[in-house]
Each structure stands twice: as structure tokens, then as C-alpha cells.
Amino acid sequence: MRSVYDVILRPIITEQSMEHTDLKKYAFAVAPDANKIEIRKAVEEIFGVKVAKVTTLNMDGKKKRTGRYPEGSRPAWKKAVVRLTDDSKTIEFFEGMA
């Protein structure tokens, strides 16, 4: 059995994701093989909040040029947007970043 820290890899701190913090939506990069149930349990255990909904997206790696011929690509990864319940507290990690 894997740890909850193996499921949630890092938070996604972008301008767009910070606009949704007032709606209690938070974005995380998660393990590619993690499902919604594992993501829900991991967020609830790490941050001590109640999760209402989990939405996942598979982000494709973008093609990048490294010179004339060798074309490389960025790795593909999985993103999860977690929405908390109305009576749940906010995640303090994202406080003050918006």
C-alpha cells in the first residue's frame, strides 16, 4: 500500500488556480495511476478537510524543440482539481498566495 504522499505529488500554484481558491477549489499534480477515491482520501488525510468532488485530467506532454532536428517532449502528467464542502475549512497552504 502506498503512502498518501505518493498520491499527491505537489500543489499547482498558477494564476488561474489561485482565482478558484475562494470557491474552495484547489489543484494538485497527482500520480498518473491514482484514482479519484485515492485522491480524496489523501487530501482529507493530509490537510484535514472534507472533499466534495474530485475532477481529474490527463495532461499531455508538449513537444519542445531543443535545436534543429532533435525534437523532445515534456512528460505527461495527471492533474486533480479538488472541491471542498461548504462547511469545510480552507487549506492553509494556499492562504496568502492569491
PDB file of N, CA and C in Angstrom:
ATOM      1  N   MET A   1       0.851  -1.181   0.000  1.00  0.00           N
ATOM      2  CA  MET A   1       0.000   0.000   0.000  1.00  0.00           C
ATOM      3  C   MET A   1       0.889   1.235   0.000  1.00  0.00           C
ATOM      4  N   ARG A   2       0.547   2.194  -0.826  1.00  0.00           N
ATOM      5  CA  ARG A   2       1.378   3.380  -0.923  1.00  0.00           C
ATOM      6  C   ARG A   2       0.896   4.479   0.008  1.00  0.00           C
ATOM      7  N   SER A   3       1.795   5.372   0.270  1.00  0.00           N
ATOM      8  CA  SER A   3       1.534   6.481   1.181  1.00  0.00           C
ATOM      9  C   SER A   3       0.670   7.531   0.491  1.00  0.00           C
ATOM     10  N   VAL A   4       0.016   8.382   1.294  1.00  0.00           N
ATOM     11  CA  VAL A   4      -0.789   9.465   0.722  1.00  0.00           C
ATOM     12  C   VAL A   4       0.105  10.489   0.040  1.00  0.00           C
ATOM     13  N   TYR A   5       1.355  10.564   0.454  1.00  0.00           N
ATOM     14  CA  TYR A   5       2.301  11.490  -0.173  1.00  0.00           C
ATOM     15  C   TYR A   5       2.804  10.962  -1.514  1.00  0.00           C
ATOM     16  N   ASP A   6       2.569   9.691  -1.815  1.00  0.00           N
ATOM     17  CA  ASP A   6       2.861   9.152  -3.140  1.00  0.00           C
ATOM     18  C   ASP A   6       1.730   9.455  -4.118  1.00  0.00           C
ATOM     19  N   VAL A   7       0.531   9.725  -3.593  1.00  0.00           N
ATOM     20  CA  VAL A   7      -0.618  10.045  -4.438  1.00  0.00           C
ATOM     21  C   VAL A   7      -0.592  11.520  -4.817  1.00  0.00           C
ATOM     22  N   ILE A   8      -0.449  12.407  -3.827  1.00  0.00           N
ATOM     23  CA  ILE A   8      -0.392  13.852  -4.066  1.00  0.00           C
ATOM     24  C   ILE A   8       1.076  14.225  -4.233  1.00  0.00           C
ATOM     25  N   LEU A   9       1.460  14.644  -5.431  1.00  0.00           N
ATOM     26  CA  LEU A   9       2.867  14.949  -5.686  1.00  0.00           C
ATOM     27  C   LEU A   9       3.222  16.387  -5.316  1.00  0.00           C
ATOM     28  N   ARG A  10       2.414  17.355  -5.772  1.00  0.00           N
ATOM     29  CA  ARG A  10       2.697  18.761  -5.463  1.00  0.00           C
ATOM     30  C   ARG A  10       1.452  19.588  -5.753  1.00  0.00           C
ATOM     31  N   PRO A  11       1.331  20.743  -5.117  1.00  0.00           N
ATOM     32  CA  PRO A  11       0.222  21.641  -5.466  1.00  0.00           C
ATOM     33  C   PRO A  11       0.551  22.401  -6.751  1.00  0.00           C
ATOM     34  N   ILE A  12      -0.473  22.809  -7.451  1.00  0.00           N
ATOM     35  CA  ILE A  12      -0.295  23.603  -8.666  1.00  0.00           C
ATOM     36  C   ILE A  12      -0.630  25.039  -8.313  1.00  0.00           C
ATOM     37  N   ILE A  13       0.374  25.903  -8.376  1.00  0.00           N
ATOM     38  CA  ILE A  13       0.199  27.301  -7.996  1.00  0.00           C
ATOM     39  C   ILE A  13       0.340  28.136  -9.256  1.00  0.00           C
ATOM     40  N   THR A  14      -0.781  28.435  -9.880  1.00  0.00           N
ATOM     41  CA  THR A  14      -0.804  29.287 -11.054  1.00  0.00           C
ATOM     42  C   THR A  14      -1.816  30.394 -10.819  1.00  0.00           C
ATOM     43  N   GLU A  15      -1.813  31.356 -11.702  1.00  0.00           N
ATOM     44  CA  GLU A  15      -2.745  32.466 -11.566  1.00  0.00           C
ATOM     45  C   GLU A  15      -4.188  31.981 -11.685  1.00  0.00           C
ATOM     46  N   GLN A  16      -4.440  31.076 -12.582  1.00  0.00           N
ATOM     47  CA  GLN A  16      -5.789  30.567 -12.774  1.00  0.00           C
ATOM     48  C   GLN A  16      -6.249  29.717 -11.594  1.00  0.00           C
ATOM     49  N   SER A  17      -5.368  28.897 -11.056  1.00  0.00           N
ATOM     50  CA  SER A  17      -5.775  28.055  -9.933  1.00  0.00           C
ATOM     51  C   SER A  17      -5.961  28.864  -8.651  1.00  0.00           C
ATOM     52  N   MET A  18      -5.249  29.979  -8.517  1.00  0.00           N
ATOM     53  CA  MET A  18      -5.409  30.803  -7.333  1.00  0.00           C
ATOM     54  C   MET A  18      -6.729  31.591  -7.349  1.00  0.00           C
ATOM     55  N   GLU A  19      -7.291  31.832  -8.540  1.00  0.00           N
ATOM     56  CA  GLU A  19      -8.578  32.512  -8.616  1.00  0.00           C
ATOM     57  C   GLU A  19      -9.709  31.653  -8.070  1.00  0.00           C
ATOM     58  N   HIS A  20      -9.534  30.339  -8.070  1.00  0.00           N
ATOM     59  CA  HIS A  20     -10.585  29.430  -7.630  1.00  0.00           C
ATOM     60  C   HIS A  20     -10.504  29.083  -6.144  1.00  0.00           C
ATOM     61  N   THR A  21      -9.542  29.645  -5.426  1.00  0.00           N
ATOM     62  CA  THR A  21      -9.435  29.319  -4.006  1.00  0.00           C
ATOM     63  C   THR A  21     -10.598  29.871  -3.201  1.00  0.00           C
ATOM     64  N   ASP A  22     -11.214  30.974  -3.656  1.00  0.00           N
ATOM     65  CA  ASP A  22     -12.370  31.487  -2.925  1.00  0.00           C
ATOM     66  C   ASP A  22     -13.591  30.590  -3.110  1.00  0.00           C
ATOM     67  N   LEU A  23     -13.596  29.754  -4.154  1.00  0.00           N
ATOM     68  CA  LEU A  23     -14.653  28.761  -4.361  1.00  0.00           C
ATOM     69  C   LEU A  23     -14.311  27.428  -3.707  1.00  0.00           C
ATOM     70  N   LYS A  24     -13.206  27.391  -2.978  1.00  0.00           N
ATOM     71  CA  LYS A  24     -12.682  26.202  -2.309  1.00  0.00           C
ATOM     72  C   LYS A  24     -12.331  25.105  -3.310  1.00  0.00           C
ATOM     73  N   LYS A  25     -11.713  25.509  -4.428  1.00  0.00           N
ATOM     74  CA  LYS A  25     -11.190  24.568  -5.413  1.00  0.00           C
ATOM     75  C   LYS A  25      -9.676  24.676  -5.407  1.00  0.00           C
ATOM     76  N   TYR A  26      -9.011  23.541  -5.309  1.00  0.00           N
ATOM     77  CA  TYR A  26      -7.558  23.506  -5.248  1.00  0.00           C
ATOM     78  C   TYR A  26      -7.042  22.493  -6.262  1.00  0.00           C
ATOM     79  N   ALA A  27      -5.913  22.804  -6.903  1.00  0.00           N
ATOM     80  CA  ALA A  27      -5.353  21.942  -7.944  1.00  0.00           C
ATOM     81  C   ALA A  27      -4.064  21.289  -7.445  1.00  0.00           C
ATOM     82  N   PHE A  28      -3.907  20.020  -7.800  1.00  0.00           N
ATOM     83  CA  PHE A  28      -2.734  19.257  -7.405  1.00  0.00           C
ATOM     84  C   PHE A  28      -2.247  18.425  -8.581  1.00  0.00           C
ATOM     85  N   ALA A  29      -0.943  18.204  -8.639  1.00  0.00           N
ATOM     86  CA  ALA A  29      -0.381  17.205  -9.540  1.00  0.00           C
ATOM     87  C   ALA A  29      -0.365  15.893  -8.765  1.00  0.00           C
ATOM     88  N   VAL A  30      -0.912  14.858  -9.361  1.00  0.00           N
ATOM     89  CA  VAL A  30      -1.069  13.580  -8.667  1.00  0.00           C
ATOM     90  C   VAL A  30      -0.372  12.480  -9.453  1.00  0.00           C
ATOM     91  N   ALA A  31      -0.269  11.321  -8.840  1.00  0.00           N
ATOM     92  CA  ALA A  31       0.339  10.169  -9.505  1.00  0.00           C
ATOM     93  C   ALA A  31      -0.513   9.766 -10.702  1.00  0.00           C
ATOM     94  N   PRO A  32       0.109   9.385 -11.812  1.00  0.00           N
ATOM     95  CA  PRO A  32      -0.661   9.067 -13.020  1.00  0.00           C
ATOM     96  C   PRO A  32      -1.626   7.898 -12.857  1.00  0.00           C
ATOM     97  N   ASP A  33      -1.355   6.989 -11.940  1.00  0.00           N
ATOM     98  CA  ASP A  33      -2.238   5.838 -11.760  1.00  0.00           C
ATOM     99  C   ASP A  33      -3.184   5.998 -10.576  1.00  0.00           C
ATOM    100  N   ALA A  34      -3.255   7.185  -9.988  1.00  0.00           N
ATOM    101  CA  ALA A  34      -4.143   7.419  -8.849  1.00  0.00           C
ATOM    102  C   ALA A  34      -5.572   7.632  -9.338  1.00  0.00           C
ATOM    103  N   ASN A  35      -6.543   7.073  -8.605  1.00  0.00           N
ATOM    104  CA  ASN A  35      -7.931   7.283  -8.967  1.00  0.00           C
ATOM    105  C   ASN A  35      -8.561   8.321  -8.032  1.00  0.00           C
ATOM    106  N   LYS A  36      -9.815   8.663  -8.277  1.00  0.00           N
ATOM    107  CA  LYS A  36     -10.468   9.737  -7.534  1.00  0.00           C
ATOM    108  C   LYS A  36     -10.649   9.394  -6.060  1.00  0.00           C
ATOM    109  N   ILE A  37     -10.881   8.144  -5.753  1.00  0.00           N
ATOM    110  CA  ILE A  37     -11.069   7.736  -4.358  1.00  0.00           C
ATOM    111  C   ILE A  37      -9.764   7.894  -3.583  1.00  0.00           C
ATOM    112  N   GLU A  38      -8.649   7.486  -4.187  1.00  0.00           N
ATOM    113  CA  GLU A  38      -7.350   7.636  -3.532  1.00  0.00           C
ATOM    114  C   GLU A  38      -6.998   9.106  -3.346  1.00  0.00           C
ATOM    115  N   ILE A  39      -7.309   9.941  -4.333  1.00  0.00           N
ATOM    116  CA  ILE A  39      -7.009  11.369  -4.242  1.00  0.00           C
ATOM    117  C   ILE A  39      -7.836  12.009  -3.130  1.00  0.00           C
ATOM    118  N   ARG A  40      -9.118  11.648  -3.048  1.00  0.00           N
ATOM    119  CA  ARG A  40      -9.991  12.178  -1.989  1.00  0.00           C
ATOM    120  C   ARG A  40      -9.472  11.820  -0.595  1.00  0.00           C
ATOM    121  N   LYS A  41      -9.116  10.561  -0.404  1.00  0.00           N
ATOM    122  CA  LYS A  41      -8.617  10.118   0.905  1.00  0.00           C
ATOM    123  C   LYS A  41      -7.293  10.792   1.251  1.00  0.00           C
ATOM    124  N   ALA A  42      -6.427  10.971   0.261  1.00  0.00           N
ATOM    125  CA  ALA A  42      -5.125  11.589   0.506  1.00  0.00           C
ATOM    126  C   ALA A  42      -5.268  13.052   0.908  1.00  0.00           C
ATOM    127  N   VAL A  43      -6.122  13.813   0.212  1.00  0.00           N
ATOM    128  CA  VAL A  43      -6.315  15.225   0.549  1.00  0.00           C
ATOM    129  C   VAL A  43      -6.966  15.364   1.919  1.00  0.00           C
ATOM    130  N   GLU A  44      -7.941  14.522   2.220  1.00  0.00           N
ATOM    131  CA  GLU A  44      -8.596  14.589   3.527  1.00  0.00           C
ATOM    132  C   GLU A  44      -7.635  14.253   4.654  1.00  0.00           C
ATOM    133  N   GLU A  45      -6.732  13.302   4.420  1.00  0.00           N
ATOM    134  CA  GLU A  45      -5.788  12.917   5.473  1.00  0.00           C
ATOM    135  C   GLU A  45      -4.668  13.941   5.646  1.00  0.00           C
ATOM    136  N   ILE A  46      -4.140  14.470   4.555  1.00  0.00           N
ATOM    137  CA  ILE A  46      -3.012  15.401   4.648  1.00  0.00           C
ATOM    138  C   ILE A  46      -3.444  16.735   5.237  1.00  0.00           C
ATOM    139  N   PHE A  47      -4.555  17.291   4.723  1.00  0.00           N
ATOM    140  CA  PHE A  47      -4.949  18.646   5.101  1.00  0.00           C
ATOM    141  C   PHE A  47      -6.068  18.700   6.137  1.00  0.00           C
ATOM    142  N   GLY A  48      -6.711  17.595   6.458  1.00  0.00           N
ATOM    143  CA  GLY A  48      -7.774  17.576   7.462  1.00  0.00           C
ATOM    144  C   GLY A  48      -9.014  18.333   7.024  1.00  0.00           C
ATOM    145  N   VAL A  49      -9.443  18.152   5.788  1.00  0.00           N
ATOM    146  CA  VAL A  49     -10.610  18.844   5.237  1.00  0.00           C
ATOM    147  C   VAL A  49     -11.605  17.800   4.719  1.00  0.00           C
ATOM    148  N   LYS A  50     -12.801  18.262   4.334  1.00  0.00           N
ATOM    149  CA  LYS A  50     -13.804  17.390   3.741  1.00  0.00           C
ATOM    150  C   LYS A  50     -13.891  17.703   2.246  1.00  0.00           C
ATOM    151  N   VAL A  51     -13.758  16.682   1.424  1.00  0.00           N
ATOM    152  CA  VAL A  51     -13.762  16.850  -0.026  1.00  0.00           C
ATOM    153  C   VAL A  51     -15.161  16.559  -0.554  1.00  0.00           C
ATOM    154  N   ALA A  52     -15.682  17.471  -1.397  1.00  0.00           N
ATOM    155  CA  ALA A  52     -16.994  17.285  -2.004  1.00  0.00           C
ATOM    156  C   ALA A  52     -16.877  16.607  -3.364  1.00  0.00           C
ATOM    157  N   LYS A  53     -15.883  17.006  -4.161  1.00  0.00           N
ATOM    158  CA  LYS A  53     -15.784  16.494  -5.528  1.00  0.00           C
ATOM    159  C   LYS A  53     -14.331  16.495  -5.974  1.00  0.00           C
ATOM    160  N   VAL A  54     -13.974  15.508  -6.772  1.00  0.00           N
ATOM    161  CA  VAL A  54     -12.638  15.413  -7.354  1.00  0.00           C
ATOM    162  C   VAL A  54     -12.787  15.282  -8.865  1.00  0.00           C
ATOM    163  N   THR A  55     -12.095  16.135  -9.599  1.00  0.00           N
ATOM    164  CA  THR A  55     -12.065  16.080 -11.051  1.00  0.00           C
ATOM    165  C   THR A  55     -10.626  15.845 -11.479  1.00  0.00           C
ATOM    166  N   THR A  56     -10.414  14.906 -12.396  1.00  0.00           N
ATOM    167  CA  THR A  56      -9.055  14.602 -12.842  1.00  0.00           C
ATOM    168  C   THR A  56      -8.917  14.857 -14.335  1.00  0.00           C
ATOM    169  N   LEU A  57      -7.701  15.223 -14.739  1.00  0.00           N
ATOM    170  CA  LEU A  57      -7.373  15.466 -16.136  1.00  0.00           C
ATOM    171  C   LEU A  57      -6.022  14.848 -16.426  1.00  0.00           C
ATOM    172  N   ASN A  58      -5.903  14.195 -17.576  1.00  0.00           N
ATOM    173  CA  ASN A  58      -4.609  13.712 -18.033  1.00  0.00           C
ATOM    174  C   ASN A  58      -4.020  14.767 -18.948  1.00  0.00           C
ATOM    175  N   MET A  59      -2.914  15.366 -18.534  1.00  0.00           N
ATOM    176  CA  MET A  59      -2.274  16.433 -19.294  1.00  0.00           C
ATOM    177  C   MET A  59      -1.204  15.818 -20.195  1.00  0.00           C
ATOM    178  N   ASP A  60      -1.328  16.048 -21.485  1.00  0.00           N
ATOM    179  CA  ASP A  60      -0.351  15.526 -22.437  1.00  0.00           C
ATOM    180  C   ASP A  60       0.927  16.355 -22.397  1.00  0.00           C
ATOM    181  N   GLY A  61       2.043  15.698 -22.636  1.00  0.00           N
ATOM    182  CA  GLY A  61       3.315  16.398 -22.697  1.00  0.00           C
ATOM    183  C   GLY A  61       3.431  17.187 -23.991  1.00  0.00           C
ATOM    184  N   LYS A  62       3.943  18.392 -23.898  1.00  0.00           N
ATOM    185  CA  LYS A  62       4.070  19.246 -25.079  1.00  0.00           C
ATOM    186  C   LYS A  62       5.371  18.945 -25.805  1.00  0.00           C
ATOM    187  N   LYS A  63       5.323  19.063 -27.115  1.00  0.00           N
ATOM    188  CA  LYS A  63       6.526  18.905 -27.927  1.00  0.00           C
ATOM    189  C   LYS A  63       7.359  20.176 -27.818  1.00  0.00           C
ATOM    190  N   LYS A  64       8.639  20.014 -27.601  1.00  0.00           N
ATOM    191  CA  LYS A  64       9.555  21.141 -27.464  1.00  0.00           C
ATOM    192  C   LYS A  64      10.761  20.910 -28.348  1.00  0.00           C
ATOM    193  N   ARG A  65      11.228  21.973 -28.966  1.00  0.00           N
ATOM    194  CA  ARG A  65      12.424  21.881 -29.791  1.00  0.00           C
ATOM    195  C   ARG A  65      13.652  22.139 -28.940  1.00  0.00           C
ATOM    196  N   THR A  66      14.656  21.360 -29.181  1.00  0.00           N
ATOM    197  CA  THR A  66      15.919  21.550 -28.467  1.00  0.00           C
ATOM    198  C   THR A  66      17.027  21.956 -29.432  1.00  0.00           C
ATOM    199  N   GLY A  67      16.688  22.156 -30.660  1.00  0.00           N
ATOM    200  CA  GLY A  67      17.658  22.516 -31.686  1.00  0.00           C
ATOM    201  C   GLY A  67      16.978  22.374 -33.032  1.00  0.00           C
ATOM    202  N   ARG A  68      17.748  22.058 -34.042  1.00  0.00           N
ATOM    203  CA  ARG A  68      17.142  21.952 -35.368  1.00  0.00           C
ATOM    204  C   ARG A  68      16.379  20.644 -35.535  1.00  0.00           C
ATOM    205  N   TYR A  69      17.007  19.514 -35.262  1.00  0.00           N
ATOM    206  CA  TYR A  69      16.369  18.231 -35.503  1.00  0.00           C
ATOM    207  C   TYR A  69      15.874  17.515 -34.251  1.00  0.00           C
ATOM    208  N   PRO A  70      16.629  17.501 -33.183  1.00  0.00           N
ATOM    209  CA  PRO A  70      16.156  16.664 -32.062  1.00  0.00           C
ATOM    210  C   PRO A  70      14.938  17.297 -31.385  1.00  0.00           C
ATOM    211  N   GLU A  71      13.804  16.694 -31.626  1.00  0.00           N
ATOM    212  CA  GLU A  71      12.583  17.193 -31.005  1.00  0.00           C
ATOM    213  C   GLU A  71      12.315  16.364 -29.755  1.00  0.00           C
ATOM    214  N   GLY A  72      12.167  17.036 -28.623  1.00  0.00           N
ATOM    215  CA  GLY A  72      11.872  16.356 -27.379  1.00  0.00           C
ATOM    216  C   GLY A  72      10.451  16.658 -26.944  1.00  0.00           C
ATOM    217  N   SER A  73      10.067  16.112 -25.844  1.00  0.00           N
ATOM    218  CA  SER A  73       8.743  16.394 -25.320  1.00  0.00           C
ATOM    219  C   SER A  73       8.800  16.430 -23.800  1.00  0.00           C
ATOM    220  N   ARG A  74       7.942  17.238 -23.246  1.00  0.00           N
ATOM    221  CA  ARG A  74       7.793  17.280 -21.799  1.00  0.00           C
ATOM    222  C   ARG A  74       6.981  16.072 -21.363  1.00  0.00           C
ATOM    223  N   PRO A  75       7.144  15.639 -20.136  1.00  0.00           N
ATOM    224  CA  PRO A  75       6.430  14.435 -19.721  1.00  0.00           C
ATOM    225  C   PRO A  75       4.931  14.692 -19.541  1.00  0.00           C
ATOM    226  N   ALA A  76       4.148  13.652 -19.768  1.00  0.00           N
ATOM    227  CA  ALA A  76       2.718  13.710 -19.498  1.00  0.00           C
ATOM    228  C   ALA A  76       2.507  13.543 -17.996  1.00  0.00           C
ATOM    229  N   TRP A  77       1.451  14.163 -17.462  1.00  0.00           N
ATOM    230  CA  TRP A  77       1.192  14.102 -16.033  1.00  0.00           C
ATOM    231  C   TRP A  77      -0.307  14.182 -15.787  1.00  0.00           C
ATOM    232  N   LYS A  78      -0.705  13.950 -14.547  1.00  0.00           N
ATOM    233  CA  LYS A  78      -2.121  13.949 -14.186  1.00  0.00           C
ATOM    234  C   LYS A  78      -2.399  15.067 -13.204  1.00  0.00           C
ATOM    235  N   LYS A  79      -3.497  15.765 -13.438  1.00  0.00           N
ATOM    236  CA  LYS A  79      -3.889  16.902 -12.620  1.00  0.00           C
ATOM    237  C   LYS A  79      -5.219  16.585 -11.959  1.00  0.00           C
ATOM    238  N   ALA A  80      -5.374  16.990 -10.707  1.00  0.00           N
ATOM    239  CA  ALA A  80      -6.629  16.804  -9.978  1.00  0.00           C
ATOM    240  C   ALA A  80      -7.084  18.146  -9.420  1.00  0.00           C
ATOM    241  N   VAL A  81      -8.351  18.464  -9.629  1.00  0.00           N
ATOM    242  CA  VAL A  81      -8.962  19.654  -9.044  1.00  0.00           C
ATOM    243  C   VAL A  81      -9.909  19.166  -7.968  1.00  0.00           C
ATOM    244  N   VAL A  82      -9.659  19.604  -6.734  1.00  0.00           N
ATOM    245  CA  VAL A  82     -10.415  19.139  -5.577  1.00  0.00           C
ATOM    246  C   VAL A  82     -11.308  20.272  -5.089  1.00  0.00           C
ATOM    247  N   ARG A  83     -12.589  19.991  -4.942  1.00  0.00           N
ATOM    248  CA  ARG A  83     -13.537  20.976  -4.410  1.00  0.00           C
ATOM    249  C   ARG A  83     -13.941  20.533  -3.018  1.00  0.00           C
ATOM    250  N   LEU A  84     -13.831  21.456  -2.057  1.00  0.00           N
ATOM    251  CA  LEU A  84     -14.162  21.151  -0.671  1.00  0.00           C
ATOM    252  C   LEU A  84     -15.626  21.463  -0.394  1.00  0.00           C
ATOM    253  N   THR A  85     -16.150  20.879   0.678  1.00  0.00           N
ATOM    254  CA  THR A  85     -17.526  21.159   1.064  1.00  0.00           C
ATOM    255  C   THR A  85     -17.626  22.568   1.633  1.00  0.00           C
ATOM    256  N   ASP A  86     -18.844  23.094   1.692  1.00  0.00           N
ATOM    257  CA  ASP A  86     -19.041  24.462   2.175  1.00  0.00           C
ATOM    258  C   ASP A  86     -18.692  24.604   3.650  1.00  0.00           C
ATOM    259  N   ASP A  87     -18.937  23.568   4.452  1.00  0.00           N
ATOM    260  CA  ASP A  87     -18.652  23.662   5.885  1.00  0.00           C
ATOM    261  C   ASP A  87     -17.216  23.281   6.232  1.00  0.00           C
ATOM    262  N   SER A  88     -16.418  22.917   5.254  1.00  0.00           N
ATOM    263  CA  SER A  88     -15.035  22.537   5.494  1.00  0.00           C
ATOM    264  C   SER A  88     -14.150  23.777   5.629  1.00  0.00           C
ATOM    265  N   LYS A  89     -13.060  23.614   6.374  1.00  0.00           N
ATOM    266  CA  LYS A  89     -12.104  24.719   6.476  1.00  0.00           C
ATOM    267  C   LYS A  89     -11.262  24.782   5.202  1.00  0.00           C
ATOM    268  N   THR A  90     -10.591  25.904   4.990  1.00  0.00           N
ATOM    269  CA  THR A  90      -9.751  26.047   3.803  1.00  0.00           C
ATOM    270  C   THR A  90      -8.393  25.404   4.044  1.00  0.00           C
ATOM    271  N   ILE A  91      -7.636  25.224   2.985  1.00  0.00           N
ATOM    272  CA  ILE A  91      -6.288  24.657   3.086  1.00  0.00           C
ATOM    273  C   ILE A  91      -5.341  25.838   3.319  1.00  0.00           C
ATOM    274  N   GLU A  92      -4.633  25.825   4.450  1.00  0.00           N
ATOM    275  CA  GLU A  92      -3.795  26.943   4.837  1.00  0.00           C
ATOM    276  C   GLU A  92      -2.593  27.138   3.923  1.00  0.00           C
ATOM    277  N   PHE A  93      -2.191  26.088   3.224  1.00  0.00           N
ATOM    278  CA  PHE A  93      -1.035  26.173   2.336  1.00  0.00           C
ATOM    279  C   PHE A  93      -1.257  27.217   1.244  1.00  0.00           C
ATOM    280  N   PHE A  94      -2.490  27.345   0.776  1.00  0.00           N
ATOM    281  CA  PHE A  94      -2.796  28.258  -0.321  1.00  0.00           C
ATOM    282  C   PHE A  94      -3.151  29.659   0.176  1.00  0.00           C
ATOM    283  N   GLU A  95      -3.229  29.875   1.484  1.00  0.00           N
ATOM    284  CA  GLU A  95      -3.571  31.183   2.032  1.00  0.00           C
ATOM    285  C   GLU A  95      -2.452  32.178   1.733  1.00  0.00           C
ATOM    286  N   GLY A  96      -2.792  33.375   1.332  1.00  0.00           N
ATOM    287  CA  GLY A  96      -1.818  34.426   1.105  1.00  0.00           C
ATOM    288  C   GLY A  96      -1.107  34.358  -0.230  1.00  0.00           C
ATOM    289  N   MET A  97      -1.418  33.369  -1.062  1.00  0.00           N
ATOM    290  CA  MET A  97      -0.781  33.272  -2.368  1.00  0.00           C
ATOM    291  C   MET A  97      -1.602  33.983  -3.438  1.00  0.00           C
ATOM    292  N   ALA A  98      -2.875  34.169  -3.178  1.00  0.00           N
ATOM    293  CA  ALA A  98      -3.731  34.779  -4.199  1.00  0.00           C
ATOM    294  C   ALA A  98      -3.609  36.293  -4.177  1.00  0.00           C
TER     295      ALA A  98
END
